[in-house]
PDB file of N, CA and C in Angstrom:
ATOM      1  N   SER A   1     237.452 183.637 107.814  1.00  0.00           N
ATOM      2  CA  SER A   1     237.447 182.333 107.168  1.00  0.00           C
ATOM      3  C   SER A   1     237.473 181.216 108.208  1.00  0.00           C
ATOM      4  N   SER A   2     238.271 181.399 109.249  1.00  0.00           N
ATOM      5  CA  SER A   2     238.358 180.395 110.299  1.00  0.00           C
ATOM      6  C   SER A   2     237.021 180.250 111.032  1.00  0.00           C
ATOM      7  N   SER A   3     236.373 181.388 111.325  1.00  0.00           N
ATOM      8  CA  SER A   3     235.079 181.318 112.004  1.00  0.00           C
ATOM      9  C   SER A   3     234.017 180.704 111.088  1.00  0.00           C
ATOM     10  N   HIS A   4     234.167 180.931 109.776  1.00  0.00           N
ATOM     11  CA  HIS A   4     233.243 180.342 108.809  1.00  0.00           C
ATOM     12  C   HIS A   4     233.355 178.816 108.833  1.00  0.00           C
ATOM     13  N   ASN A   5     234.585 178.293 108.881  1.00  0.00           N
ATOM     14  CA  ASN A   5     234.802 176.842 108.942  1.00  0.00           C
ATOM     15  C   ASN A   5     234.271 176.260 110.242  1.00  0.00           C
ATOM     16  N   VAL A   6     234.457 176.984 111.341  1.00  0.00           N
ATOM     17  CA  VAL A   6     233.954 176.520 112.626  1.00  0.00           C
ATOM     18  C   VAL A   6     232.434 176.433 112.583  1.00  0.00           C
ATOM     19  N   GLN A   7     231.788 177.453 111.974  1.00  0.00           N
ATOM     20  CA  GLN A   7     230.338 177.437 111.883  1.00  0.00           C
ATOM     21  C   GLN A   7     229.873 176.254 111.032  1.00  0.00           C
ATOM     22  N   HIS A   8     230.559 175.996 109.897  1.00  0.00           N
ATOM     23  CA  HIS A   8     230.193 174.842 109.071  1.00  0.00           C
ATOM     24  C   HIS A   8     230.360 173.543 109.852  1.00  0.00           C
ATOM     25  N   ASN A   9     231.438 173.426 110.609  1.00  0.00           N
ATOM     26  CA  ASN A   9     231.650 172.213 111.401  1.00  0.00           C
ATOM     27  C   ASN A   9     230.545 172.040 112.435  1.00  0.00           C
ATOM     28  N   LEU A  10     230.143 173.158 113.056  1.00  0.00           N
ATOM     29  CA  LEU A  10     229.058 173.089 114.023  1.00  0.00           C
ATOM     30  C   LEU A  10     227.747 172.720 113.350  1.00  0.00           C
ATOM     31  N   GLU A  11     227.489 173.295 112.172  1.00  0.00           N
ATOM     32  CA  GLU A  11     226.277 172.962 111.435  1.00  0.00           C
ATOM     33  C   GLU A  11     226.281 171.490 111.024  1.00  0.00           C
ATOM     34  N   ASP A  12     227.427 171.008 110.548  1.00  0.00           N
ATOM     35  CA  ASP A  12     227.547 169.599 110.178  1.00  0.00           C
ATOM     36  C   ASP A  12     227.305 168.708 111.386  1.00  0.00           C
ATOM     37  N   GLN A  13     227.899 169.061 112.516  1.00  0.00           N
ATOM     38  CA  GLN A  13     227.729 168.265 113.730  1.00  0.00           C
ATOM     39  C   GLN A  13     226.278 168.284 114.171  1.00  0.00           C
ATOM     40  N   LEU A  14     225.633 169.457 114.084  1.00  0.00           N
ATOM     41  CA  LEU A  14     224.232 169.564 114.447  1.00  0.00           C
ATOM     42  C   LEU A  14     223.395 168.674 113.531  1.00  0.00           C
ATOM     43  N   PHE A  15     223.701 168.705 112.220  1.00  0.00           N
ATOM     44  CA  PHE A  15     222.988 167.873 111.263  1.00  0.00           C
ATOM     45  C   PHE A  15     223.184 166.392 111.582  1.00  0.00           C
ATOM     46  N   VAL A  16     224.398 166.025 111.927  1.00  0.00           N
ATOM     47  CA  VAL A  16     224.688 164.637 112.284  1.00  0.00           C
ATOM     48  C   VAL A  16     223.910 164.255 113.535  1.00  0.00           C
ATOM     49  N   ASP A  17     223.915 165.119 114.534  1.00  0.00           N
ATOM     50  CA  ASP A  17     223.228 164.812 115.779  1.00  0.00           C
ATOM     51  C   ASP A  17     221.722 164.687 115.571  1.00  0.00           C
ATOM     52  N   GLN A  18     221.143 165.562 114.763  1.00  0.00           N
ATOM     53  CA  GLN A  18     219.704 165.542 114.547  1.00  0.00           C
ATOM     54  C   GLN A  18     219.265 164.318 113.762  1.00  0.00           C
ATOM     55  N   HIS A  19     220.080 163.903 112.797  1.00  0.00           N
ATOM     56  CA  HIS A  19     219.669 162.842 111.898  1.00  0.00           C
ATOM     57  C   HIS A  19     220.384 161.514 112.141  1.00  0.00           C
ATOM     58  N   GLY A  20     221.397 161.521 112.965  1.00  0.00           N
ATOM     59  CA  GLY A  20     222.084 160.292 113.301  1.00  0.00           C
ATOM     60  C   GLY A  20     222.962 159.733 112.201  1.00  0.00           C
ATOM     61  N   PHE A  21     223.302 160.541 111.216  1.00  0.00           N
ATOM     62  CA  PHE A  21     224.140 160.081 110.121  1.00  0.00           C
ATOM     63  C   PHE A  21     225.497 160.759 110.183  1.00  0.00           C
ATOM     64  N   ARG A  22     226.505 160.067 109.708  1.00  0.00           N
ATOM     65  CA  ARG A  22     227.856 160.626 109.671  1.00  0.00           C
ATOM     66  C   ARG A  22     228.057 161.378 108.359  1.00  0.00           C
ATOM     67  N   ILE A  23     228.530 162.600 108.446  1.00  0.00           N
ATOM     68  CA  ILE A  23     228.862 163.362 107.253  1.00  0.00           C
ATOM     69  C   ILE A  23     230.257 162.928 106.823  1.00  0.00           C
ATOM     70  N   HIS A  24     230.386 162.449 105.596  1.00  0.00           N
ATOM     71  CA  HIS A  24     231.678 161.948 105.127  1.00  0.00           C
ATOM     72  C   HIS A  24     232.656 163.080 104.828  1.00  0.00           C
ATOM     73  N   ASP A  25     233.918 162.755 104.874  1.00  0.00           N
ATOM     74  CA  ASP A  25     234.965 163.728 104.589  1.00  0.00           C
ATOM     75  C   ASP A  25     234.882 164.269 103.169  1.00  0.00           C
ATOM     76  N   LEU A  26     234.162 163.576 102.301  1.00  0.00           N
ATOM     77  CA  LEU A  26     234.026 164.047 100.917  1.00  0.00           C
ATOM     78  C   LEU A  26     233.326 165.397 100.850  1.00  0.00           C
ATOM     79  N   PHE A  27     232.549 165.722 101.880  1.00  0.00           N
ATOM     80  CA  PHE A  27     231.794 166.970 101.862  1.00  0.00           C
ATOM     81  C   PHE A  27     232.642 168.184 102.194  1.00  0.00           C
ATOM     82  N   ILE A  28     233.804 167.979 102.785  1.00  0.00           N
ATOM     83  CA  ILE A  28     234.619 169.104 103.218  1.00  0.00           C
ATOM     84  C   ILE A  28     235.055 169.906 102.004  1.00  0.00           C
ATOM     85  N   GLY A  29     234.880 171.194 102.071  1.00  0.00           N
ATOM     86  CA  GLY A  29     235.272 172.073 100.990  1.00  0.00           C
ATOM     87  C   GLY A  29     234.185 172.307  99.950  1.00  0.00           C
ATOM     88  N   CYS A  30     233.088 171.570 100.013  1.00  0.00           N
ATOM     89  CA  CYS A  30     231.989 171.767  99.075  1.00  0.00           C
ATOM     90  C   CYS A  30     231.008 172.780  99.667  1.00  0.00           C
ATOM     91  N   ASN A  31     230.293 173.455  98.798  1.00  0.00           N
ATOM     92  CA  ASN A  31     229.289 174.372  99.325  1.00  0.00           C
ATOM     93  C   ASN A  31     228.112 173.579  99.885  1.00  0.00           C
ATOM     94  N   SER A  32     227.250 174.243 100.604  1.00  0.00           N
ATOM     95  CA  SER A  32     226.185 173.536 101.322  1.00  0.00           C
ATOM     96  C   SER A  32     225.203 172.851 100.373  1.00  0.00           C
ATOM     97  N   ALA A  33     224.936 173.439  99.213  1.00  0.00           N
ATOM     98  CA  ALA A  33     224.014 172.793  98.265  1.00  0.00           C
ATOM     99  C   ALA A  33     224.616 171.496  97.735  1.00  0.00           C
ATOM    100  N   MET A  34     225.907 171.514  97.452  1.00  0.00           N
ATOM    101  CA  MET A  34     226.574 170.312  96.958  1.00  0.00           C
ATOM    102  C   MET A  34     226.613 169.241  98.051  1.00  0.00           C
ATOM    103  N   ARG A  35     226.854 169.663  99.281  1.00  0.00           N
ATOM    104  CA  ARG A  35     226.856 168.715 100.400  1.00  0.00           C
ATOM    105  C   ARG A  35     225.486 168.083 100.571  1.00  0.00           C
ATOM    106  N   ALA A  36     224.453 168.915 100.472  1.00  0.00           N
ATOM    107  CA  ALA A  36     223.091 168.407 100.629  1.00  0.00           C
ATOM    108  C   ALA A  36     222.763 167.421  99.507  1.00  0.00           C
ATOM    109  N   LEU A  37     223.149 167.749  98.283  1.00  0.00           N
ATOM    110  CA  LEU A  37     222.905 166.852  97.157  1.00  0.00           C
ATOM    111  C   LEU A  37     223.644 165.536  97.344  1.00  0.00           C
ATOM    112  N   LYS A  38     224.897 165.617  97.696  1.00  0.00           N
ATOM    113  CA  LYS A  38     225.702 164.412  97.888  1.00  0.00           C
ATOM    114  C   LYS A  38     225.124 163.554  99.018  1.00  0.00           C
ATOM    115  N   PHE A  39     224.720 164.184 100.093  1.00  0.00           N
ATOM    116  CA  PHE A  39     224.132 163.461 101.219  1.00  0.00           C
ATOM    117  C   PHE A  39     222.852 162.754 100.791  1.00  0.00           C
ATOM    118  N   PHE A  40     222.001 163.474 100.056  1.00  0.00           N
ATOM    119  CA  PHE A  40     220.751 162.892  99.570  1.00  0.00           C
ATOM    120  C   PHE A  40     221.017 161.692  98.661  1.00  0.00           C
ATOM    121  N   LEU A  41     221.933 161.862  97.706  1.00  0.00           N
ATOM    122  CA  LEU A  41     222.245 160.783  96.767  1.00  0.00           C
ATOM    123  C   LEU A  41     222.898 159.598  97.463  1.00  0.00           C
ATOM    124  N   GLU A  42     223.749 159.887  98.444  1.00  0.00           N
ATOM    125  CA  GLU A  42     224.384 158.812  99.194  1.00  0.00           C
ATOM    126  C   GLU A  42     223.342 157.967  99.922  1.00  0.00           C
ATOM    127  N   ARG A  43     222.394 158.614 100.529  1.00  0.00           N
ATOM    128  CA  ARG A  43     221.327 157.890 101.227  1.00  0.00           C
ATOM    129  C   ARG A  43     220.463 157.118 100.237  1.00  0.00           C
ATOM    130  N   MET A  44     220.266 157.675  99.032  1.00  0.00           N
ATOM    131  CA  MET A  44     219.411 157.057  98.030  1.00  0.00           C
ATOM    132  C   MET A  44     220.011 155.753  97.486  1.00  0.00           C
ATOM    133  N   ILE A  45     221.315 155.762  97.180  1.00  0.00           N
ATOM    134  CA  ILE A  45     221.896 154.589  96.518  1.00  0.00           C
ATOM    135  C   ILE A  45     222.077 153.393  97.442  1.00  0.00           C
ATOM    136  N   VAL A  46     221.993 153.599  98.735  1.00  0.00           N
ATOM    137  CA  VAL A  46     222.133 152.463  99.648  1.00  0.00           C
ATOM    138  C   VAL A  46     220.788 151.824  99.988  1.00  0.00           C
ATOM    139  N   LYS A  47     219.720 152.412  99.515  1.00  0.00           N
ATOM    140  CA  LYS A  47     218.390 151.859  99.807  1.00  0.00           C
ATOM    141  C   LYS A  47     218.074 150.719  98.839  1.00  0.00           C
ATOM    142  N   MET A  48     217.357 149.764  99.343  1.00  0.00           N
ATOM    143  CA  MET A  48     216.966 148.616  98.535  1.00  0.00           C
ATOM    144  C   MET A  48     216.092 149.046  97.349  1.00  0.00           C
ATOM    145  N   ALA A  49     215.290 150.071  97.539  1.00  0.00           N
ATOM    146  CA  ALA A  49     214.407 150.542  96.473  1.00  0.00           C
ATOM    147  C   ALA A  49     215.207 150.990  95.250  1.00  0.00           C
ATOM    148  N   PHE A  50     216.374 151.572  95.464  1.00  0.00           N
ATOM    149  CA  PHE A  50     217.218 151.993  94.344  1.00  0.00           C
ATOM    150  C   PHE A  50     217.704 150.772  93.571  1.00  0.00           C
ATOM    151  N   ASP A  51     218.158 149.753  94.281  1.00  0.00           N
ATOM    152  CA  ASP A  51     218.606 148.524  93.616  1.00  0.00           C
ATOM    153  C   ASP A  51     217.450 147.838  92.882  1.00  0.00           C
ATOM    154  N   VAL A  52     216.277 147.838  93.481  1.00  0.00           N
ATOM    155  CA  VAL A  52     215.105 147.250  92.836  1.00  0.00           C
ATOM    156  C   VAL A  52     214.769 148.019  91.561  1.00  0.00           C
ATOM    157  N   PHE A  53     214.813 149.352  91.633  1.00  0.00           N
ATOM    158  CA  PHE A  53     214.547 150.179  90.454  1.00  0.00           C
ATOM    159  C   PHE A  53     215.522 149.842  89.332  1.00  0.00           C
ATOM    160  N   VAL A  54     216.805 149.748  89.660  1.00  0.00           N
ATOM    161  CA  VAL A  54     217.819 149.433  88.643  1.00  0.00           C
ATOM    162  C   VAL A  54     217.570 148.040  88.062  1.00  0.00           C
ATOM    163  N   CYS A  55     217.243 147.078  88.905  1.00  0.00           N
ATOM    164  CA  CYS A  55     216.955 145.715  88.421  1.00  0.00           C
ATOM    165  C   CYS A  55     215.731 145.699  87.503  1.00  0.00           C
ATOM    166  N   VAL A  56     214.697 146.447  87.858  1.00  0.00           N
ATOM    167  CA  VAL A  56     213.502 146.537  87.008  1.00  0.00           C
ATOM    168  C   VAL A  56     213.865 147.164  85.667  1.00  0.00           C
ATOM    169  N   MET A  57     214.683 148.190  85.683  1.00  0.00           N
ATOM    170  CA  MET A  57     215.114 148.822  84.429  1.00  0.00           C
ATOM    171  C   MET A  57     215.906 147.839  83.566  1.00  0.00           C
ATOM    172  N   ILE A  58     216.753 147.035  84.197  1.00  0.00           N
ATOM    173  CA  ILE A  58     217.519 146.024  83.456  1.00  0.00           C
ATOM    174  C   ILE A  58     216.572 145.005  82.822  1.00  0.00           C
ATOM    175  N   LEU A  59     215.592 144.527  83.584  1.00  0.00           N
ATOM    176  CA  LEU A  59     214.642 143.546  83.065  1.00  0.00           C
ATOM    177  C   LEU A  59     213.799 144.126  81.936  1.00  0.00           C
ATOM    178  N   LEU A  60     213.345 145.356  82.097  1.00  0.00           N
ATOM    179  CA  LEU A  60     212.577 146.007  81.025  1.00  0.00           C
ATOM    180  C   LEU A  60     213.431 146.193  79.775  1.00  0.00           C
ATOM    181  N   ASN A  61     214.687 146.540  79.961  1.00  0.00           N
ATOM    182  CA  ASN A  61     215.593 146.701  78.826  1.00  0.00           C
ATOM    183  C   ASN A  61     215.770 145.369  78.098  1.00  0.00           C
ATOM    184  N   ILE A  62     215.918 144.283  78.855  1.00  0.00           N
ATOM    185  CA  ILE A  62     216.046 142.956  78.252  1.00  0.00           C
ATOM    186  C   ILE A  62     214.790 142.615  77.448  1.00  0.00           C
ATOM    187  N   CYS A  63     213.622 142.903  78.021  1.00  0.00           N
ATOM    188  CA  CYS A  63     212.364 142.641  77.311  1.00  0.00           C
ATOM    189  C   CYS A  63     212.284 143.450  76.017  1.00  0.00           C
ATOM    190  N   CYS A  64     212.639 144.708  76.080  1.00  0.00           N
ATOM    191  CA  CYS A  64     212.598 145.561  74.882  1.00  0.00           C
ATOM    192  C   CYS A  64     213.572 145.061  73.819  1.00  0.00           C
ATOM    193  N   MET A  65     214.751 144.638  74.244  1.00  0.00           N
ATOM    194  CA  MET A  65     215.714 144.095  73.282  1.00  0.00           C
ATOM    195  C   MET A  65     215.177 142.796  72.677  1.00  0.00           C
ATOM    196  N   GLY A  66     214.431 142.019  73.461  1.00  0.00           N
ATOM    197  CA  GLY A  66     213.855 140.774  72.966  1.00  0.00           C
ATOM    198  C   GLY A  66     212.775 140.991  71.921  1.00  0.00           C
ATOM    199  N   PHE A  67     212.140 142.156  71.927  1.00  0.00           N
ATOM    200  CA  PHE A  67     211.096 142.456  70.947  1.00  0.00           C
ATOM    201  C   PHE A  67     211.661 142.938  69.614  1.00  0.00           C
ATOM    202  N   GLU A  68     212.946 143.222  69.572  1.00  0.00           N
ATOM    203  CA  GLU A  68     213.554 143.659  68.318  1.00  0.00           C
ATOM    204  C   GLU A  68     213.559 142.496  67.334  1.00  0.00           C
ATOM    205  N   THR A  69     213.216 142.786  66.105  1.00  0.00           N
ATOM    206  CA  THR A  69     213.225 141.773  65.058  1.00  0.00           C
ATOM    207  C   THR A  69     214.056 142.257  63.883  1.00  0.00           C
ATOM    208  N   TYR A  70     214.373 141.330  63.006  1.00  0.00           N
ATOM    209  CA  TYR A  70     215.206 141.657  61.855  1.00  0.00           C
ATOM    210  C   TYR A  70     214.485 142.612  60.907  1.00  0.00           C
ATOM    211  N   LYS A  71     213.258 142.266  60.543  1.00  0.00           N
ATOM    212  CA  LYS A  71     212.475 143.115  59.626  1.00  0.00           C
ATOM    213  C   LYS A  71     211.385 143.816  60.421  1.00  0.00           C
ATOM    214  N   GLN A  72     211.724 144.993  60.939  1.00  0.00           N
ATOM    215  CA  GLN A  72     210.774 145.767  61.736  1.00  0.00           C
ATOM    216  C   GLN A  72     210.124 146.833  60.870  1.00  0.00           C
ATOM    217  N   SER A  73     208.928 147.232  61.277  1.00  0.00           N
ATOM    218  CA  SER A  73     208.286 148.367  60.604  1.00  0.00           C
ATOM    219  C   SER A  73     209.001 149.645  61.032  1.00  0.00           C
ATOM    220  N   SER A  74     208.729 150.722  60.339  1.00  0.00           N
ATOM    221  CA  SER A  74     209.365 151.996  60.699  1.00  0.00           C
ATOM    222  C   SER A  74     208.939 152.439  62.095  1.00  0.00           C
ATOM    223  N   PHE A  75     207.692 152.152  62.487  1.00  0.00           N
ATOM    224  CA  PHE A  75     207.233 152.474  63.839  1.00  0.00           C
ATOM    225  C   PHE A  75     208.040 151.706  64.876  1.00  0.00           C
ATOM    226  N   GLN A  76     208.263 150.414  64.620  1.00  0.00           N
ATOM    227  CA  GLN A  76     209.046 149.600  65.546  1.00  0.00           C
ATOM    228  C   GLN A  76     210.487 150.103  65.623  1.00  0.00           C
ATOM    229  N   ASP A  77     211.033 150.543  64.491  1.00  0.00           N
ATOM    230  CA  ASP A  77     212.391 151.096  64.496  1.00  0.00           C
ATOM    231  C   ASP A  77     212.483 152.334  65.392  1.00  0.00           C
ATOM    232  N   VAL A  78     211.502 153.217  65.256  1.00  0.00           N
ATOM    233  CA  VAL A  78     211.484 154.439  66.066  1.00  0.00           C
ATOM    234  C   VAL A  78     211.299 154.087  67.536  1.00  0.00           C
ATOM    235  N   LEU A  79     210.376 153.173  67.818  1.00  0.00           N
ATOM    236  CA  LEU A  79     210.123 152.759  69.204  1.00  0.00           C
ATOM    237  C   LEU A  79     211.367 152.120  69.815  1.00  0.00           C
ATOM    238  N   THR A  80     212.014 151.246  69.075  1.00  0.00           N
ATOM    239  CA  THR A  80     213.236 150.592  69.551  1.00  0.00           C
ATOM    240  C   THR A  80     214.329 151.619  69.806  1.00  0.00           C
ATOM    241  N   SER A  81     214.479 152.541  68.887  1.00  0.00           N
ATOM    242  CA  SER A  81     215.501 153.584  69.037  1.00  0.00           C
ATOM    243  C   SER A  81     215.246 154.429  70.282  1.00  0.00           C
ATOM    244  N   ARG A  82     214.003 154.795  70.498  1.00  0.00           N
ATOM    245  CA  ARG A  82     213.673 155.638  71.659  1.00  0.00           C
ATOM    246  C   ARG A  82     213.804 154.890  72.973  1.00  0.00           C
ATOM    247  N   THR A  83     213.426 153.621  72.999  1.00  0.00           N
ATOM    248  CA  THR A  83     213.583 152.869  74.246  1.00  0.00           C
ATOM    249  C   THR A  83     215.067 152.637  74.546  1.00  0.00           C
ATOM    250  N   ASN A  84     215.851 152.388  73.514  1.00  0.00           N
ATOM    251  CA  ASN A  84     217.303 152.251  73.722  1.00  0.00           C
ATOM    252  C   ASN A  84     217.892 153.539  74.275  1.00  0.00           C
ATOM    253  N   LEU A  85     217.458 154.665  73.739  1.00  0.00           N
ATOM    254  CA  LEU A  85     217.928 155.961  74.228  1.00  0.00           C
ATOM    255  C   LEU A  85     217.508 156.178  75.684  1.00  0.00           C
ATOM    256  N   PHE A  86     216.280 155.823  76.010  1.00  0.00           N
ATOM    257  CA  PHE A  86     215.785 155.961  77.383  1.00  0.00           C
ATOM    258  C   PHE A  86     216.627 155.140  78.359  1.00  0.00           C
ATOM    259  N   PHE A  87     216.846 153.867  78.034  1.00  0.00           N
ATOM    260  CA  PHE A  87     217.605 153.010  78.942  1.00  0.00           C
ATOM    261  C   PHE A  87     219.070 153.433  79.028  1.00  0.00           C
ATOM    262  N   THR A  88     219.625 153.901  77.943  1.00  0.00           N
ATOM    263  CA  THR A  88     220.993 154.429  77.987  1.00  0.00           C
ATOM    264  C   THR A  88     221.057 155.622  78.931  1.00  0.00           C
ATOM    265  N   PHE A  89     220.072 156.494  78.862  1.00  0.00           N
ATOM    266  CA  PHE A  89     220.007 157.650  79.749  1.00  0.00           C
ATOM    267  C   PHE A  89     219.887 157.211  81.213  1.00  0.00           C
ATOM    268  N   VAL A  90     218.983 156.277  81.509  1.00  0.00           N
ATOM    269  CA  VAL A  90     218.763 155.812  82.880  1.00  0.00           C
ATOM    270  C   VAL A  90     220.045 155.205  83.455  1.00  0.00           C
ATOM    271  N   PHE A  91     220.701 154.332  82.680  1.00  0.00           N
ATOM    272  CA  PHE A  91     221.902 153.663  83.185  1.00  0.00           C
ATOM    273  C   PHE A  91     223.091 154.621  83.283  1.00  0.00           C
ATOM    274  N   THR A  92     223.137 155.615  82.411  1.00  0.00           N
ATOM    275  CA  THR A  92     224.198 156.627  82.508  1.00  0.00           C
ATOM    276  C   THR A  92     224.017 157.462  83.765  1.00  0.00           C
ATOM    277  N   ILE A  93     222.799 157.876  84.041  1.00  0.00           N
ATOM    278  CA  ILE A  93     222.516 158.656  85.258  1.00  0.00           C
ATOM    279  C   ILE A  93     222.835 157.834  86.497  1.00  0.00           C
ATOM    280  N   GLU A  94     222.464 156.552  86.485  1.00  0.00           N
ATOM    281  CA  GLU A  94     222.763 155.683  87.634  1.00  0.00           C
ATOM    282  C   GLU A  94     224.279 155.623  87.878  1.00  0.00           C
ATOM    283  N   THR A  95     225.035 155.438  86.811  1.00  0.00           N
ATOM    284  CA  THR A  95     226.494 155.357  86.937  1.00  0.00           C
ATOM    285  C   THR A  95     227.077 156.683  87.411  1.00  0.00           C
ATOM    286  N   LEU A  96     226.603 157.788  86.868  1.00  0.00           N
ATOM    287  CA  LEU A  96     227.110 159.101  87.283  1.00  0.00           C
ATOM    288  C   LEU A  96     226.805 159.384  88.753  1.00  0.00           C
ATOM    289  N   ILE A  97     225.616 158.996  89.195  1.00  0.00           N
ATOM    290  CA  ILE A  97     225.262 159.183  90.610  1.00  0.00           C
ATOM    291  C   ILE A  97     226.211 158.391  91.495  1.00  0.00           C
ATOM    292  N   ARG A  98     226.430 157.133  91.139  1.00  0.00           N
ATOM    293  CA  ARG A  98     227.330 156.300  91.941  1.00  0.00           C
ATOM    294  C   ARG A  98     228.756 156.854  91.943  1.00  0.00           C
ATOM    295  N   MET A  99     229.215 157.313  90.781  1.00  0.00           N
ATOM    296  CA  MET A  99     230.574 157.875  90.709  1.00  0.00           C
ATOM    297  C   MET A  99     230.680 159.164  91.521  1.00  0.00           C
ATOM    298  N   PHE A 100     229.649 159.986  91.483  1.00  0.00           N
ATOM    299  CA  PHE A 100     229.639 161.241  92.223  1.00  0.00           C
ATOM    300  C   PHE A 100     229.702 160.988  93.718  1.00  0.00           C
ATOM    301  N   VAL A 101     228.929 160.031  94.183  1.00  0.00           N
ATOM    302  CA  VAL A 101     228.878 159.734  95.615  1.00  0.00           C
ATOM    303  C   VAL A 101     230.133 159.007  96.073  1.00  0.00           C
ATOM    304  N   MET A 102     230.566 158.019  95.299  1.00  0.00           N
ATOM    305  CA  MET A 102     231.674 157.166  95.723  1.00  0.00           C
ATOM    306  C   MET A 102     233.041 157.726  95.343  1.00  0.00           C
ATOM    307  N   ARG A 103     233.081 158.638  94.413  1.00  0.00           N
ATOM    308  CA  ARG A 103     234.318 159.122  93.796  1.00  0.00           C
ATOM    309  C   ARG A 103     234.868 158.023  92.895  1.00  0.00           C
ATOM    310  N   PRO A 104     235.462 158.390  91.773  1.00  0.00           N
ATOM    311  CA  PRO A 104     235.928 157.379  90.811  1.00  0.00           C
ATOM    312  C   PRO A 104     236.870 156.330  91.399  1.00  0.00           C
ATOM    313  N   ARG A 105     237.746 156.737  92.301  1.00  0.00           N
ATOM    314  CA  ARG A 105     238.709 155.772  92.845  1.00  0.00           C
ATOM    315  C   ARG A 105     238.008 154.618  93.552  1.00  0.00           C
ATOM    316  N   LYS A 106     237.045 154.926  94.405  1.00  0.00           N
ATOM    317  CA  LYS A 106     236.313 153.878  95.120  1.00  0.00           C
ATOM    318  C   LYS A 106     235.355 153.144  94.174  1.00  0.00           C
ATOM    319  N   PHE A 107     234.770 153.882  93.248  1.00  0.00           N
ATOM    320  CA  PHE A 107     233.855 153.287  92.275  1.00  0.00           C
ATOM    321  C   PHE A 107     234.538 152.157  91.510  1.00  0.00           C
ATOM    322  N   PHE A 108     235.759 152.413  91.045  1.00  0.00           N
ATOM    323  CA  PHE A 108     236.468 151.431  90.229  1.00  0.00           C
ATOM    324  C   PHE A 108     237.160 150.341  91.053  1.00  0.00           C
ATOM    325  N   GLN A 109     236.931 150.310  92.337  1.00  0.00           N
ATOM    326  CA  GLN A 109     237.412 149.209  93.163  1.00  0.00           C
ATOM    327  C   GLN A 109     236.355 148.113  93.304  1.00  0.00           C
ATOM    328  N   ASP A 110     235.142 148.390  92.859  1.00  0.00           N
ATOM    329  CA  ASP A 110     234.050 147.428  92.926  1.00  0.00           C
ATOM    330  C   ASP A 110     233.914 146.752  91.562  1.00  0.00           C
ATOM    331  N   TYR A 111     234.125 145.436  91.534  1.00  0.00           N
ATOM    332  CA  TYR A 111     234.128 144.709  90.259  1.00  0.00           C
ATOM    333  C   TYR A 111     232.783 144.746  89.543  1.00  0.00           C
ATOM    334  N   TRP A 112     231.682 144.713  90.294  1.00  0.00           N
ATOM    335  CA  TRP A 112     230.365 144.791  89.655  1.00  0.00           C
ATOM    336  C   TRP A 112     230.157 146.145  89.005  1.00  0.00           C
ATOM    337  N   LEU A 113     230.617 147.203  89.653  1.00  0.00           N
ATOM    338  CA  LEU A 113     230.468 148.540  89.075  1.00  0.00           C
ATOM    339  C   LEU A 113     231.361 148.709  87.856  1.00  0.00           C
ATOM    340  N   ILE A 114     232.533 148.088  87.863  1.00  0.00           N
ATOM    341  CA  ILE A 114     233.409 148.119  86.678  1.00  0.00           C
ATOM    342  C   ILE A 114     232.688 147.423  85.514  1.00  0.00           C
ATOM    343  N   LEU A 115     232.078 146.268  85.793  1.00  0.00           N
ATOM    344  CA  LEU A 115     231.326 145.557  84.765  1.00  0.00           C
ATOM    345  C   LEU A 115     230.196 146.427  84.223  1.00  0.00           C
ATOM    346  N   ASP A 116     229.435 147.060  85.119  1.00  0.00           N
ATOM    347  CA  ASP A 116     228.364 147.970  84.684  1.00  0.00           C
ATOM    348  C   ASP A 116     228.912 149.087  83.818  1.00  0.00           C
ATOM    349  N   PHE A 117     230.021 149.643  84.208  1.00  0.00           N
ATOM    350  CA  PHE A 117     230.621 150.763  83.486  1.00  0.00           C
ATOM    351  C   PHE A 117     231.052 150.331  82.083  1.00  0.00           C
ATOM    352  N   VAL A 118     231.643 149.169  81.972  1.00  0.00           N
ATOM    353  CA  VAL A 118     232.150 148.695  80.679  1.00  0.00           C
ATOM    354  C   VAL A 118     231.011 148.289  79.764  1.00  0.00           C
ATOM    355  N   VAL A 119     230.012 147.631  80.340  1.00  0.00           N
ATOM    356  CA  VAL A 119     228.867 147.163  79.523  1.00  0.00           C
ATOM    357  C   VAL A 119     227.978 148.340  79.209  1.00  0.00           C
TER     358      VAL A 119
END
C-alpha cells in the first residue's frame, strides 16, 4: 500500500511536471479516473468559453421565457415545457460540475454561486 501511494505521488508529480498544473489536494484518495475527471472539469470551468456558454444559455432561456404567452397553443405549451426542461437540465449540470470541483464548502462561500443555486 505504501509503495502504491508513492507510485501515485510520482505519477501525479510527473503529470504536474509535464503539464505545468498543480494537482489539488482534493484528488488524494480518489481513483485515477475520478482524478482525471476532476482535473478535466476544473480546467473547463475556469475557461472563458465555459462562462460564455453559461451566459448564452441564460440569454436563450430569457428569450424563451419571453415567448411564453397567456393563451398558447398546445404546440407552444409542449415547446415551452421542453425548453424549460432543457434549461433546467443545463443549469443543474453546471451547478453540479461546480460543486464537484469546488466542493460544497467552497462553493457556498461564493455569493454569486449561492444566488445561482437558490434561483
